[in-house]
Amino acid sequence: MSKAFTKEGDGQDDDEDVPAAVRLPPGTKNYMTRRGYDALRVELDQLVRIERPKLVETVAWAASNGDRSENGDYIYGKKRLREIDRRIRFLIKRIESAEVVDPERQQGMEQVFFGATVTVLDVEDEGGEGEQTWQIVGVDEANASAGRISWISPLARALMKAREGDVVRFQSPAGPREMEVVEIRYE
């Protein structure tokens, strides 16, 4: 049989369904803040204790109604159940591999490390956006609209070990940029 029609695992993590922005680089640890870790635990608990049992009950009811091939409740329920099970497996892997870092216990608070909240100023921007503030967090808790960027993002990597007053250069999607570090806080 052709390999085109089979799905064989090679022993690696099955992160094919995970968006590239959330994949961890090979060989790196899954750093996250306590807030990010707790959010994953809450989501896992919600799925395991509430959503999945309700859905199993609905699927069992739909299955008892007879012909499953044209039963929308059954078909949708089974599909949603697979999605929930996939998410549960993903969350369990992420929680097991998590290394929780407390930003307030960082050494060298005058430099940027994981968990730092950094205010930067675009050096080349003349009167545009002005200052921006970013917290460097784990890949699972990154949310640019909330001011949290992943520690593996180009900006976060450029900021690592920088001090107030330093100018860092990095490659953004819009091209090369320079940012000056205005303030570093650990909260």
N, C-alpha and C. Protein backbone atom coordinates (compact mmCIF):
# COMPACT_ATOMS: atom_id res chain seq x y z
N MET A 1 0.85 -1.18 0.00
CA MET A 1 0.00 0.00 0.00
C MET A 1 0.88 1.24 0.00
N SER A 2 0.47 2.23 -0.72
CA SER A 2 1.21 3.48 -0.82
C SER A 2 1.16 4.23 0.50
N LYS A 3 2.27 4.88 0.84
CA LYS A 3 2.31 5.67 2.07
C LYS A 3 1.39 6.89 1.98
N ALA A 4 0.95 7.23 0.77
CA ALA A 4 0.08 8.39 0.60
C ALA A 4 -1.26 8.19 1.31
N PHE A 5 -1.63 6.92 1.53
CA PHE A 5 -2.93 6.65 2.12
C PHE A 5 -2.86 6.18 3.57
N THR A 6 -1.70 6.25 4.16
CA THR A 6 -1.56 5.83 5.54
C THR A 6 -0.96 6.97 6.35
N LYS A 7 -1.28 6.98 7.63
CA LYS A 7 -0.69 7.95 8.54
C LYS A 7 0.10 7.18 9.56
N GLU A 8 1.40 7.22 9.39
CA GLU A 8 2.27 6.50 10.31
C GLU A 8 3.06 7.50 11.12
N GLY A 9 3.03 7.33 12.42
CA GLY A 9 3.81 8.20 13.28
C GLY A 9 5.27 7.80 13.25
N ASP A 10 6.13 8.76 13.37
CA ASP A 10 7.56 8.48 13.37
C ASP A 10 8.13 8.62 14.77
N GLY A 11 7.25 8.63 15.77
CA GLY A 11 7.72 8.76 17.14
C GLY A 11 7.84 10.20 17.59
N GLN A 12 7.68 11.15 16.67
CA GLN A 12 7.77 12.56 17.01
C GLN A 12 6.43 13.04 17.54
N ASP A 13 6.42 14.22 18.13
CA ASP A 13 5.15 14.81 18.56
C ASP A 13 4.30 15.07 17.34
N ASP A 14 3.04 14.80 17.43
CA ASP A 14 2.13 15.04 16.32
C ASP A 14 1.60 16.45 16.41
N ASP A 15 2.43 17.41 16.02
CA ASP A 15 2.05 18.81 16.08
C ASP A 15 1.64 19.34 14.71
N GLU A 16 1.22 18.43 13.81
CA GLU A 16 0.84 18.84 12.47
C GLU A 16 -0.33 19.80 12.49
N ASP A 17 -1.27 19.61 13.41
CA ASP A 17 -2.47 20.44 13.46
C ASP A 17 -2.24 21.73 14.23
N VAL A 18 -1.07 21.90 14.82
CA VAL A 18 -0.77 23.08 15.63
C VAL A 18 -0.25 24.18 14.72
N PRO A 19 -0.82 25.39 14.81
CA PRO A 19 -0.33 26.50 13.99
C PRO A 19 1.16 26.75 14.24
N ALA A 20 1.87 27.17 13.21
CA ALA A 20 3.31 27.38 13.31
C ALA A 20 3.68 28.35 14.42
N ALA A 21 2.83 29.35 14.68
CA ALA A 21 3.12 30.35 15.71
C ALA A 21 3.13 29.75 17.12
N VAL A 22 2.52 28.58 17.30
CA VAL A 22 2.43 27.97 18.62
C VAL A 22 3.38 26.78 18.76
N ARG A 23 4.02 26.38 17.69
CA ARG A 23 4.98 25.27 17.76
C ARG A 23 6.25 25.72 18.46
N LEU A 24 6.76 24.85 19.29
CA LEU A 24 8.03 25.13 19.96
C LEU A 24 9.18 24.70 19.05
N PRO A 25 10.25 25.46 19.03
CA PRO A 25 11.41 25.02 18.26
C PRO A 25 11.93 23.70 18.84
N PRO A 26 12.41 22.79 17.99
CA PRO A 26 12.91 21.50 18.49
C PRO A 26 14.00 21.70 19.54
N GLY A 27 13.89 20.93 20.62
CA GLY A 27 14.90 20.95 21.66
C GLY A 27 14.78 22.09 22.67
N THR A 28 13.72 22.89 22.58
CA THR A 28 13.56 23.98 23.53
C THR A 28 12.53 23.60 24.60
N LYS A 29 12.62 24.29 25.72
CA LYS A 29 11.67 24.05 26.80
C LYS A 29 10.41 24.87 26.57
N ASN A 30 9.32 24.41 27.17
CA ASN A 30 8.05 25.11 27.05
C ASN A 30 7.90 26.08 28.22
N TYR A 31 8.58 27.21 28.14
CA TYR A 31 8.51 28.21 29.20
C TYR A 31 7.15 28.88 29.19
N MET A 32 6.61 29.15 30.37
CA MET A 32 5.38 29.93 30.48
C MET A 32 5.30 30.56 31.86
N THR A 33 4.49 31.60 31.93
CA THR A 33 4.28 32.26 33.22
C THR A 33 3.25 31.46 34.01
N ARG A 34 3.12 31.75 35.28
CA ARG A 34 2.12 31.08 36.12
C ARG A 34 0.72 31.34 35.57
N ARG A 35 0.47 32.57 35.11
CA ARG A 35 -0.85 32.91 34.55
C ARG A 35 -1.15 32.05 33.32
N GLY A 36 -0.18 31.85 32.45
CA GLY A 36 -0.38 31.03 31.26
C GLY A 36 -0.60 29.57 31.60
N TYR A 37 0.16 29.07 32.57
CA TYR A 37 0.02 27.68 33.02
C TYR A 37 -1.38 27.46 33.61
N ASP A 38 -1.80 28.39 34.47
CA ASP A 38 -3.12 28.27 35.09
C ASP A 38 -4.24 28.32 34.05
N ALA A 39 -4.07 29.15 33.01
CA ALA A 39 -5.08 29.24 31.96
C ALA A 39 -5.22 27.91 31.21
N LEU A 40 -4.09 27.24 30.94
CA LEU A 40 -4.14 25.93 30.28
C LEU A 40 -4.82 24.90 31.17
N ARG A 41 -4.51 24.93 32.46
CA ARG A 41 -5.14 23.99 33.41
C ARG A 41 -6.65 24.20 33.47
N VAL A 42 -7.09 25.45 33.50
CA VAL A 42 -8.52 25.77 33.55
C VAL A 42 -9.22 25.28 32.28
N GLU A 43 -8.59 25.52 31.12
CA GLU A 43 -9.18 25.05 29.86
C GLU A 43 -9.28 23.53 29.83
N LEU A 44 -8.23 22.84 30.26
CA LEU A 44 -8.24 21.37 30.29
C LEU A 44 -9.35 20.88 31.22
N ASP A 45 -9.45 21.46 32.39
CA ASP A 45 -10.47 21.06 33.35
C ASP A 45 -11.87 21.28 32.78
N GLN A 46 -12.09 22.40 32.11
CA GLN A 46 -13.39 22.71 31.49
C GLN A 46 -13.74 21.65 30.43
N LEU A 47 -12.78 21.30 29.61
CA LEU A 47 -13.03 20.31 28.56
C LEU A 47 -13.32 18.93 29.13
N VAL A 48 -12.51 18.50 30.11
CA VAL A 48 -12.63 17.15 30.66
C VAL A 48 -13.85 16.99 31.54
N ARG A 49 -14.13 17.96 32.37
CA ARG A 49 -15.20 17.81 33.36
C ARG A 49 -16.58 18.28 32.88
N ILE A 50 -16.62 19.21 31.94
CA ILE A 50 -17.91 19.78 31.57
C ILE A 50 -18.27 19.50 30.10
N GLU A 51 -17.46 20.04 29.17
CA GLU A 51 -17.83 19.96 27.76
C GLU A 51 -17.87 18.53 27.21
N ARG A 52 -16.82 17.76 27.47
CA ARG A 52 -16.78 16.40 26.91
C ARG A 52 -17.91 15.51 27.44
N PRO A 53 -18.16 15.47 28.76
CA PRO A 53 -19.26 14.63 29.25
C PRO A 53 -20.63 15.03 28.65
N LYS A 54 -20.89 16.34 28.53
CA LYS A 54 -22.15 16.79 27.93
C LYS A 54 -22.26 16.31 26.49
N LEU A 55 -21.16 16.41 25.75
CA LEU A 55 -21.16 16.01 24.35
C LEU A 55 -21.32 14.50 24.20
N VAL A 56 -20.69 13.74 25.07
CA VAL A 56 -20.84 12.28 25.03
C VAL A 56 -22.31 11.91 25.26
N GLU A 57 -22.94 12.61 26.17
CA GLU A 57 -24.36 12.37 26.45
C GLU A 57 -25.21 12.68 25.21
N THR A 58 -24.92 13.79 24.54
CA THR A 58 -25.66 14.18 23.33
C THR A 58 -25.45 13.16 22.22
N VAL A 59 -24.21 12.71 22.03
CA VAL A 59 -23.91 11.73 20.97
C VAL A 59 -24.61 10.41 21.26
N ALA A 60 -24.63 9.99 22.52
CA ALA A 60 -25.32 8.75 22.89
C ALA A 60 -26.81 8.87 22.60
N TRP A 61 -27.40 10.02 22.93
CA TRP A 61 -28.82 10.25 22.65
C TRP A 61 -29.08 10.21 21.15
N ALA A 62 -28.20 10.90 20.36
CA ALA A 62 -28.38 10.94 18.91
C ALA A 62 -28.22 9.55 18.30
N ALA A 63 -27.31 8.76 18.83
CA ALA A 63 -27.10 7.40 18.31
C ALA A 63 -28.31 6.52 18.57
N SER A 64 -29.00 6.78 19.64
CA SER A 64 -30.17 5.96 19.98
C SER A 64 -31.38 6.27 19.09
N ASN A 65 -31.28 7.35 18.32
CA ASN A 65 -32.39 7.75 17.46
C ASN A 65 -32.46 6.97 16.15
N GLY A 66 -31.53 6.09 15.92
CA GLY A 66 -31.62 5.26 14.70
C GLY A 66 -30.54 5.57 13.70
N ASP A 67 -30.91 5.72 12.44
CA ASP A 67 -30.00 5.86 11.30
C ASP A 67 -28.96 6.96 11.56
N ARG A 68 -27.73 6.55 11.72
CA ARG A 68 -26.67 7.50 12.05
C ARG A 68 -26.11 8.20 10.83
N SER A 69 -26.32 7.64 9.65
CA SER A 69 -25.72 8.22 8.44
C SER A 69 -26.34 9.57 8.08
N GLU A 70 -27.58 9.81 8.48
CA GLU A 70 -28.23 11.08 8.18
C GLU A 70 -28.61 11.83 9.44
N ASN A 71 -27.99 11.49 10.54
CA ASN A 71 -28.31 12.09 11.83
C ASN A 71 -27.31 13.22 12.10
N GLY A 72 -27.75 14.46 11.90
CA GLY A 72 -26.86 15.61 12.05
C GLY A 72 -26.29 15.75 13.45
N ASP A 73 -27.12 15.50 14.47
CA ASP A 73 -26.63 15.61 15.85
C ASP A 73 -25.51 14.62 16.10
N TYR A 74 -25.67 13.41 15.57
CA TYR A 74 -24.66 12.36 15.77
C TYR A 74 -23.37 12.70 15.01
N ILE A 75 -23.52 13.08 13.74
CA ILE A 75 -22.35 13.37 12.91
C ILE A 75 -21.57 14.57 13.47
N TYR A 76 -22.28 15.65 13.78
CA TYR A 76 -21.61 16.83 14.34
C TYR A 76 -21.00 16.51 15.70
N GLY A 77 -21.74 15.77 16.52
CA GLY A 77 -21.26 15.43 17.86
C GLY A 77 -19.97 14.63 17.82
N LYS A 78 -19.90 13.64 16.90
CA LYS A 78 -18.68 12.83 16.78
C LYS A 78 -17.51 13.69 16.30
N LYS A 79 -17.79 14.60 15.36
CA LYS A 79 -16.73 15.48 14.86
C LYS A 79 -16.23 16.38 15.99
N ARG A 80 -17.15 16.99 16.73
CA ARG A 80 -16.77 17.87 17.83
C ARG A 80 -16.04 17.10 18.93
N LEU A 81 -16.45 15.86 19.17
CA LEU A 81 -15.78 15.02 20.16
C LEU A 81 -14.33 14.77 19.77
N ARG A 82 -14.07 14.52 18.49
CA ARG A 82 -12.68 14.35 18.02
C ARG A 82 -11.87 15.62 18.23
N GLU A 83 -12.49 16.78 17.96
CA GLU A 83 -11.80 18.05 18.16
C GLU A 83 -11.45 18.26 19.63
N ILE A 84 -12.39 17.98 20.51
CA ILE A 84 -12.16 18.13 21.95
C ILE A 84 -11.07 17.17 22.41
N ASP A 85 -11.12 15.92 21.96
CA ASP A 85 -10.09 14.95 22.35
C ASP A 85 -8.71 15.37 21.86
N ARG A 86 -8.63 15.93 20.66
CA ARG A 86 -7.36 16.41 20.11
C ARG A 86 -6.84 17.56 20.98
N ARG A 87 -7.73 18.48 21.35
CA ARG A 87 -7.32 19.61 22.18
C ARG A 87 -6.88 19.15 23.57
N ILE A 88 -7.58 18.17 24.13
CA ILE A 88 -7.21 17.62 25.44
C ILE A 88 -5.81 17.02 25.38
N ARG A 89 -5.52 16.23 24.33
CA ARG A 89 -4.18 15.65 24.19
C ARG A 89 -3.12 16.74 24.08
N PHE A 90 -3.41 17.77 23.29
CA PHE A 90 -2.48 18.89 23.13
C PHE A 90 -2.21 19.57 24.47
N LEU A 91 -3.28 19.88 25.21
CA LEU A 91 -3.13 20.56 26.49
C LEU A 91 -2.35 19.72 27.49
N ILE A 92 -2.61 18.43 27.52
CA ILE A 92 -1.88 17.54 28.43
C ILE A 92 -0.39 17.56 28.10
N LYS A 93 -0.04 17.48 26.81
CA LYS A 93 1.37 17.53 26.41
C LYS A 93 2.01 18.85 26.83
N ARG A 94 1.30 19.95 26.59
CA ARG A 94 1.85 21.26 26.91
C ARG A 94 2.03 21.44 28.42
N ILE A 95 1.06 20.99 29.19
CA ILE A 95 1.14 21.13 30.65
C ILE A 95 2.26 20.26 31.20
N GLU A 96 2.40 19.03 30.67
CA GLU A 96 3.47 18.14 31.15
C GLU A 96 4.84 18.68 30.82
N SER A 97 4.98 19.36 29.68
CA SER A 97 6.30 19.86 29.28
C SER A 97 6.56 21.28 29.76
N ALA A 98 5.60 21.87 30.46
CA ALA A 98 5.73 23.27 30.89
C ALA A 98 6.81 23.46 31.93
N GLU A 99 7.51 24.55 31.78
CA GLU A 99 8.46 25.00 32.79
C GLU A 99 8.01 26.39 33.20
N VAL A 100 7.37 26.46 34.36
CA VAL A 100 6.80 27.72 34.82
C VAL A 100 7.91 28.61 35.36
N VAL A 101 7.92 29.85 34.86
CA VAL A 101 8.92 30.83 35.26
C VAL A 101 8.19 32.00 35.92
N ASP A 102 8.59 32.33 37.13
CA ASP A 102 7.99 33.47 37.83
C ASP A 102 8.81 34.71 37.49
N PRO A 103 8.23 35.65 36.72
CA PRO A 103 8.99 36.83 36.30
C PRO A 103 9.58 37.62 37.47
N GLU A 104 8.89 37.62 38.61
CA GLU A 104 9.37 38.42 39.75
C GLU A 104 10.60 37.81 40.41
N ARG A 105 10.91 36.55 40.10
CA ARG A 105 12.09 35.89 40.69
C ARG A 105 13.28 35.83 39.73
N GLN A 106 13.21 36.55 38.66
CA GLN A 106 14.30 36.56 37.69
C GLN A 106 15.54 37.21 38.29
N GLN A 107 16.68 36.70 37.89
CA GLN A 107 17.95 37.31 38.27
C GLN A 107 18.29 38.37 37.23
N GLY A 108 19.01 39.36 37.60
CA GLY A 108 19.44 40.39 36.65
C GLY A 108 18.27 41.19 36.10
N MET A 109 17.53 41.82 37.00
CA MET A 109 16.33 42.54 36.58
C MET A 109 16.60 43.79 35.76
N GLU A 110 17.85 44.14 35.59
CA GLU A 110 18.18 45.29 34.75
C GLU A 110 18.27 44.89 33.27
N GLN A 111 18.15 43.58 33.01
CA GLN A 111 18.18 43.08 31.63
C GLN A 111 16.84 42.43 31.30
N VAL A 112 16.59 42.27 30.00
CA VAL A 112 15.36 41.64 29.53
C VAL A 112 15.54 40.13 29.51
N PHE A 113 14.66 39.44 30.22
CA PHE A 113 14.60 37.97 30.20
C PHE A 113 13.13 37.58 30.09
N PHE A 114 12.87 36.28 30.07
CA PHE A 114 11.51 35.78 29.98
C PHE A 114 10.67 36.38 31.10
N GLY A 115 9.47 36.82 30.76
CA GLY A 115 8.55 37.40 31.74
C GLY A 115 8.66 38.90 31.89
N ALA A 116 9.67 39.50 31.30
CA ALA A 116 9.85 40.95 31.42
C ALA A 116 8.75 41.69 30.66
N THR A 117 8.37 42.85 31.21
CA THR A 117 7.49 43.77 30.50
C THR A 117 8.39 44.90 30.04
N VAL A 118 8.48 45.06 28.72
CA VAL A 118 9.46 45.98 28.12
C VAL A 118 8.73 47.07 27.34
N THR A 119 9.09 48.31 27.61
CA THR A 119 8.58 49.43 26.82
C THR A 119 9.67 49.80 25.83
N VAL A 120 9.30 49.85 24.55
CA VAL A 120 10.24 50.15 23.48
C VAL A 120 9.74 51.33 22.65
N LEU A 121 10.67 51.98 21.98
CA LEU A 121 10.35 53.10 21.10
C LEU A 121 10.97 52.81 19.75
N ASP A 122 10.16 52.86 18.70
CA ASP A 122 10.65 52.62 17.34
C ASP A 122 11.57 53.79 16.96
N VAL A 123 12.84 53.49 16.73
CA VAL A 123 13.84 54.53 16.45
C VAL A 123 13.52 55.27 15.15
N GLU A 124 13.03 54.57 14.14
CA GLU A 124 12.80 55.16 12.82
C GLU A 124 11.42 55.78 12.67
N ASP A 125 10.55 55.61 13.65
CA ASP A 125 9.19 56.12 13.57
C ASP A 125 9.16 57.56 14.07
N GLU A 126 8.87 58.47 13.18
CA GLU A 126 8.85 59.89 13.54
C GLU A 126 7.42 60.32 13.83
N GLY A 127 7.01 60.26 15.08
CA GLY A 127 5.68 60.72 15.46
C GLY A 127 4.57 59.74 15.14
N GLY A 128 4.91 58.51 14.86
CA GLY A 128 3.89 57.51 14.52
C GLY A 128 3.32 56.84 15.74
N GLU A 129 3.62 55.58 15.91
CA GLU A 129 3.04 54.79 17.01
C GLU A 129 3.57 55.20 18.38
N GLY A 130 4.79 55.69 18.42
CA GLY A 130 5.38 56.05 19.70
C GLY A 130 5.83 54.83 20.47
N GLU A 131 5.63 54.87 21.76
CA GLU A 131 6.07 53.77 22.61
C GLU A 131 5.09 52.60 22.55
N GLN A 132 5.66 51.41 22.67
CA GLN A 132 4.88 50.18 22.75
C GLN A 132 5.38 49.40 23.96
N THR A 133 4.47 48.70 24.64
CA THR A 133 4.85 47.90 25.78
C THR A 133 4.47 46.46 25.51
N TRP A 134 5.44 45.56 25.72
CA TRP A 134 5.24 44.13 25.47
C TRP A 134 5.73 43.32 26.67
N GLN A 135 4.98 42.29 27.01
CA GLN A 135 5.46 41.32 28.00
C GLN A 135 5.91 40.09 27.23
N ILE A 136 7.06 39.56 27.58
CA ILE A 136 7.60 38.37 26.91
C ILE A 136 7.10 37.14 27.67
N VAL A 137 6.29 36.33 26.98
CA VAL A 137 5.62 35.19 27.60
C VAL A 137 5.81 33.93 26.76
N GLY A 138 5.21 32.82 27.21
CA GLY A 138 5.28 31.56 26.50
C GLY A 138 4.46 31.56 25.23
N VAL A 139 4.73 30.60 24.35
CA VAL A 139 4.04 30.55 23.05
C VAL A 139 2.55 30.35 23.19
N ASP A 140 2.10 29.64 24.23
CA ASP A 140 0.68 29.37 24.40
C ASP A 140 -0.10 30.55 24.96
N GLU A 141 0.58 31.52 25.50
CA GLU A 141 -0.10 32.65 26.11
C GLU A 141 0.11 33.96 25.36
N ALA A 142 0.82 33.90 24.24
CA ALA A 142 1.07 35.10 23.45
C ALA A 142 -0.24 35.63 22.86
N ASN A 143 -0.40 36.96 22.91
CA ASN A 143 -1.58 37.62 22.38
C ASN A 143 -1.17 39.07 22.13
N ALA A 144 -0.82 39.37 20.90
CA ALA A 144 -0.29 40.70 20.57
C ALA A 144 -1.27 41.81 20.90
N SER A 145 -2.56 41.59 20.72
CA SER A 145 -3.53 42.64 21.02
C SER A 145 -3.61 42.94 22.52
N ALA A 146 -3.17 41.99 23.35
CA ALA A 146 -3.13 42.20 24.80
C ALA A 146 -1.73 42.60 25.28
N GLY A 147 -0.79 42.79 24.34
CA GLY A 147 0.55 43.23 24.70
C GLY A 147 1.47 42.12 25.17
N ARG A 148 1.18 40.87 24.78
CA ARG A 148 2.03 39.73 25.19
C ARG A 148 2.58 39.07 23.92
N ILE A 149 3.92 39.00 23.83
CA ILE A 149 4.54 38.36 22.68
C ILE A 149 5.32 37.13 23.14
N SER A 150 5.40 36.15 22.26
CA SER A 150 6.09 34.90 22.54
C SER A 150 7.59 35.13 22.64
N TRP A 151 8.23 34.39 23.53
CA TRP A 151 9.68 34.51 23.71
C TRP A 151 10.45 34.06 22.47
N ILE A 152 9.80 33.38 21.53
CA ILE A 152 10.49 32.95 20.31
C ILE A 152 10.23 33.90 19.14
N SER A 153 9.47 34.97 19.36
CA SER A 153 9.20 35.95 18.30
C SER A 153 10.49 36.73 17.99
N PRO A 154 10.62 37.26 16.77
CA PRO A 154 11.83 38.02 16.43
C PRO A 154 12.11 39.20 17.36
N LEU A 155 11.07 39.94 17.73
CA LEU A 155 11.28 41.08 18.63
C LEU A 155 11.75 40.62 20.00
N ALA A 156 11.10 39.60 20.56
CA ALA A 156 11.49 39.12 21.89
C ALA A 156 12.92 38.60 21.88
N ARG A 157 13.29 37.86 20.84
CA ARG A 157 14.67 37.35 20.76
C ARG A 157 15.68 38.49 20.68
N ALA A 158 15.33 39.55 19.94
CA ALA A 158 16.24 40.70 19.84
C ALA A 158 16.35 41.43 21.18
N LEU A 159 15.26 41.45 21.95
CA LEU A 159 15.26 42.16 23.23
C LEU A 159 15.99 41.41 24.34
N MET A 160 16.11 40.08 24.22
CA MET A 160 16.73 39.29 25.29
C MET A 160 18.11 39.83 25.64
N LYS A 161 18.33 40.03 26.92
CA LYS A 161 19.57 40.51 27.53
C LYS A 161 19.86 41.99 27.28
N ALA A 162 18.92 42.69 26.64
CA ALA A 162 19.09 44.13 26.42
C ALA A 162 18.86 44.87 27.73
N ARG A 163 19.39 46.06 27.82
CA ARG A 163 19.23 46.91 29.01
C ARG A 163 18.55 48.21 28.58
N GLU A 164 18.05 48.95 29.56
CA GLU A 164 17.44 50.24 29.25
C GLU A 164 18.44 51.11 28.50
N GLY A 165 17.97 51.76 27.42
CA GLY A 165 18.83 52.62 26.60
C GLY A 165 19.43 51.90 25.41
N ASP A 166 19.45 50.57 25.42
CA ASP A 166 20.00 49.81 24.28
C ASP A 166 19.07 49.92 23.08
N VAL A 167 19.66 49.87 21.91
CA VAL A 167 18.90 49.82 20.66
C VAL A 167 19.09 48.43 20.08
N VAL A 168 17.97 47.76 19.80
CA VAL A 168 18.04 46.40 19.25
C VAL A 168 17.54 46.42 17.82
N ARG A 169 18.12 45.55 17.01
CA ARG A 169 17.73 45.41 15.61
C ARG A 169 17.13 44.03 15.42
N PHE A 170 16.05 43.97 14.62
CA PHE A 170 15.44 42.68 14.33
C PHE A 170 14.73 42.74 12.99
N GLN A 171 14.47 41.58 12.44
CA GLN A 171 13.78 41.48 11.16
C GLN A 171 12.29 41.28 11.42
N SER A 172 11.49 42.27 11.06
CA SER A 172 10.03 42.17 11.22
C SER A 172 9.44 41.81 9.86
N PRO A 173 8.17 41.44 9.82
CA PRO A 173 7.54 41.17 8.52
C PRO A 173 7.59 42.37 7.57
N ALA A 174 7.66 43.58 8.14
CA ALA A 174 7.73 44.79 7.32
C ALA A 174 9.17 45.15 6.92
N GLY A 175 10.14 44.35 7.36
CA GLY A 175 11.54 44.61 7.05
C GLY A 175 12.33 44.88 8.31
N PRO A 176 13.61 45.23 8.17
CA PRO A 176 14.46 45.46 9.35
C PRO A 176 13.96 46.67 10.15
N ARG A 177 14.00 46.53 11.48
CA ARG A 177 13.56 47.61 12.37
C ARG A 177 14.53 47.76 13.52
N GLU A 178 14.52 48.94 14.11
CA GLU A 178 15.33 49.23 15.29
C GLU A 178 14.42 49.76 16.39
N MET A 179 14.60 49.23 17.58
CA MET A 179 13.81 49.66 18.74
C MET A 179 14.75 50.02 19.88
N GLU A 180 14.43 51.09 20.57
CA GLU A 180 15.20 51.48 21.77
C GLU A 180 14.43 51.00 23.00
N VAL A 181 15.15 50.37 23.92
CA VAL A 181 14.54 49.90 25.16
C VAL A 181 14.42 51.10 26.11
N VAL A 182 13.17 51.44 26.45
CA VAL A 182 12.91 52.59 27.30
C VAL A 182 12.80 52.19 28.76
N GLU A 183 12.11 51.05 29.03
CA GLU A 183 11.89 50.63 30.41
C GLU A 183 11.75 49.11 30.47
N ILE A 184 12.25 48.53 31.57
CA ILE A 184 12.14 47.08 31.82
C ILE A 184 11.53 46.90 33.19
N ARG A 185 10.43 46.11 33.27
CA ARG A 185 9.78 45.82 34.55
C ARG A 185 9.52 44.31 34.64
N TYR A 186 9.47 43.83 35.86
CA TYR A 186 9.06 42.44 36.11
C TYR A 186 7.88 42.50 37.05
N GLU A 187 6.73 41.99 36.60
CA GLU A 187 5.50 42.06 37.39
C GLU A 187 5.02 40.68 37.72
